[in-house]
Amino acid sequence: MKDQFMDQFSNVHLWSDSGPHFRSQELLYSIFFDFDSDFEKNFTLNFFAEYHGKILVDGHFGFLSRWFSQAELCGDILDIHHLI
């Protein structure tokens, strides 16, 4: 996250489904201690209610995955600027 685009943000809001693997001590520690100190950003972690939100997120990332695959056919993507 140490690039010019991310420098403009001081807060990062993360969203996750409510599966137990996303509520593990290891993940929570990484987000609130490791990420916070490594990236000098404020992190919040939000959970969708069970059986809500996942379809929207999966649909969005499915679109991004297809978009990325199409862009990759045009040449190497070395950083975010090549993708955009």
C-alpha atoms as a PDB file:
ATOM      1  CA  MET A   1       0.000   0.000   0.000  1.00  0.00           C
ATOM      2  CA  LYS A   2       2.962   2.290  -0.238  1.00  0.00           C
ATOM      3  CA  ASP A   3       2.048   3.832  -3.568  1.00  0.00           C
ATOM      4  CA  GLN A   4       0.763   7.268  -4.479  1.00  0.00           C
ATOM      5  CA  PHE A   5      -2.833   6.146  -4.921  1.00  0.00           C
ATOM      6  CA  MET A   6      -3.050   4.717  -1.403  1.00  0.00           C
ATOM      7  CA  ASP A   7      -1.198   7.665   0.140  1.00  0.00           C
ATOM      8  CA  GLN A   8      -4.348   9.765  -0.152  1.00  0.00           C
ATOM      9  CA  PHE A   9      -6.227   7.480   2.257  1.00  0.00           C
ATOM     10  CA  SER A  10      -5.796   7.240   6.000  1.00  0.00           C
ATOM     11  CA  ASN A  11      -8.608   4.720   6.595  1.00  0.00           C
ATOM     12  CA  VAL A  12      -9.107   1.306   4.998  1.00  0.00           C
ATOM     13  CA  HIS A  13     -12.465  -0.418   5.493  1.00  0.00           C
ATOM     14  CA  LEU A  14     -12.410  -4.166   4.922  1.00  0.00           C
ATOM     15  CA  TRP A  15     -15.538  -6.278   4.362  1.00  0.00           C
ATOM     16  CA  SER A  16     -15.819 -10.021   4.768  1.00  0.00           C
ATOM     17  CA  ASP A  17     -18.417 -12.729   4.943  1.00  0.00           C
ATOM     18  CA  SER A  18     -19.037 -14.010   8.454  1.00  0.00           C
ATOM     19  CA  GLY A  19     -17.339 -17.400   8.124  1.00  0.00           C
ATOM     20  CA  PRO A  20     -15.362 -18.515  11.170  1.00  0.00           C
ATOM     21  CA  HIS A  21     -12.093 -18.542   9.192  1.00  0.00           C
ATOM     22  CA  PHE A  22     -12.457 -14.765   8.757  1.00  0.00           C
ATOM     23  CA  ARG A  23     -12.887 -14.298  12.514  1.00  0.00           C
ATOM     24  CA  SER A  24      -9.761 -16.176  13.551  1.00  0.00           C
ATOM     25  CA  GLN A  25      -7.333 -14.675  16.043  1.00  0.00           C
ATOM     26  CA  GLU A  26      -4.566 -14.794  13.448  1.00  0.00           C
ATOM     27  CA  LEU A  27      -6.472 -12.758  10.867  1.00  0.00           C
ATOM     28  CA  LEU A  28      -7.719 -10.240  13.413  1.00  0.00           C
ATOM     29  CA  TYR A  29      -4.205  -9.795  14.785  1.00  0.00           C
ATOM     30  CA  SER A  30      -2.793  -9.303  11.281  1.00  0.00           C
ATOM     31  CA  ILE A  31      -5.358  -6.669  10.387  1.00  0.00           C
ATOM     32  CA  PHE A  32      -5.313  -4.664  13.593  1.00  0.00           C
ATOM     33  CA  PHE A  33      -1.642  -4.950  14.540  1.00  0.00           C
ATOM     34  CA  ASP A  34       0.503  -6.005  11.580  1.00  0.00           C
ATOM     35  CA  PHE A  35      -1.343  -4.107   8.829  1.00  0.00           C
ATOM     36  CA  ASP A  36      -1.880  -1.052  10.996  1.00  0.00           C
ATOM     37  CA  SER A  37       1.806  -0.713  11.854  1.00  0.00           C
ATOM     38  CA  ASP A  38       3.169  -1.833   8.450  1.00  0.00           C
ATOM     39  CA  PHE A  39       1.003   0.463   6.345  1.00  0.00           C
ATOM     40  CA  GLU A  40       0.333   3.345   8.760  1.00  0.00           C
ATOM     41  CA  LYS A  41      -3.383   3.268   7.985  1.00  0.00           C
ATOM     42  CA  ASN A  42      -6.432   2.865  10.208  1.00  0.00           C
ATOM     43  CA  PHE A  43      -8.171  -0.414   9.447  1.00  0.00           C
ATOM     44  CA  THR A  44     -11.743  -1.402  10.209  1.00  0.00           C
ATOM     45  CA  LEU A  45     -13.120  -4.873   9.633  1.00  0.00           C
ATOM     46  CA  ASN A  46     -16.807  -5.297   8.850  1.00  0.00           C
ATOM     47  CA  PHE A  47     -18.774  -8.513   8.465  1.00  0.00           C
ATOM     48  CA  PHE A  48     -21.802  -9.090   6.291  1.00  0.00           C
ATOM     49  CA  ALA A  49     -24.718 -10.785   8.043  1.00  0.00           C
ATOM     50  CA  GLU A  50     -24.857 -14.499   7.328  1.00  0.00           C
ATOM     51  CA  TYR A  51     -26.153 -15.240   3.829  1.00  0.00           C
ATOM     52  CA  HIS A  52     -26.085 -11.532   2.910  1.00  0.00           C
ATOM     53  CA  GLY A  53     -23.566  -9.542   0.905  1.00  0.00           C
ATOM     54  CA  LYS A  54     -21.481 -12.423  -0.398  1.00  0.00           C
ATOM     55  CA  ILE A  55     -23.335 -12.598  -3.711  1.00  0.00           C
ATOM     56  CA  LEU A  56     -22.730  -8.881  -4.334  1.00  0.00           C
ATOM     57  CA  VAL A  57     -19.029  -9.152  -3.527  1.00  0.00           C
ATOM     58  CA  ASP A  58     -18.580 -12.377  -5.512  1.00  0.00           C
ATOM     59  CA  GLY A  59     -20.325 -10.793  -8.495  1.00  0.00           C
ATOM     60  CA  HIS A  60     -18.098  -7.722  -8.315  1.00  0.00           C
ATOM     61  CA  PHE A  61     -14.889  -9.749  -8.070  1.00  0.00           C
ATOM     62  CA  GLY A  62     -16.080 -12.041 -10.854  1.00  0.00           C
ATOM     63  CA  PHE A  63     -16.396  -8.963 -13.063  1.00  0.00           C
ATOM     64  CA  LEU A  64     -12.948  -7.717 -12.005  1.00  0.00           C
ATOM     65  CA  SER A  65     -11.440 -11.141 -12.655  1.00  0.00           C
ATOM     66  CA  ARG A  66     -12.836 -11.222 -16.198  1.00  0.00           C
ATOM     67  CA  TRP A  67     -11.686  -7.630 -16.788  1.00  0.00           C
ATOM     68  CA  PHE A  68      -8.192  -8.467 -15.525  1.00  0.00           C
ATOM     69  CA  SER A  69      -8.009 -11.569 -17.743  1.00  0.00           C
ATOM     70  CA  GLN A  70      -8.990  -9.531 -20.803  1.00  0.00           C
ATOM     71  CA  ALA A  71      -6.417  -6.843 -19.989  1.00  0.00           C
ATOM     72  CA  GLU A  72      -3.745  -9.481 -19.466  1.00  0.00           C
ATOM     73  CA  LEU A  73      -4.256 -10.724 -23.032  1.00  0.00           C
ATOM     74  CA  CYS A  74      -3.079  -7.305 -24.256  1.00  0.00           C
ATOM     75  CA  GLY A  75       0.291  -7.572 -22.484  1.00  0.00           C
ATOM     76  CA  ASP A  76       1.949  -7.831 -19.104  1.00  0.00           C
ATOM     77  CA  ILE A  77       0.375  -6.006 -16.180  1.00  0.00           C
ATOM     78  CA  LEU A  78       3.250  -4.830 -14.021  1.00  0.00           C
ATOM     79  CA  ASP A  79       1.384  -2.481 -11.684  1.00  0.00           C
ATOM     80  CA  ILE A  80      -2.008  -0.854 -11.162  1.00  0.00           C
ATOM     81  CA  HIS A  81      -1.274   1.798 -13.798  1.00  0.00           C
ATOM     82  CA  HIS A  82      -0.942  -0.867 -16.512  1.00  0.00           C
ATOM     83  CA  LEU A  83      -4.324  -2.263 -15.507  1.00  0.00           C
ATOM     84  CA  ILE A  84      -6.125   1.076 -15.484  1.00  0.00           C
END
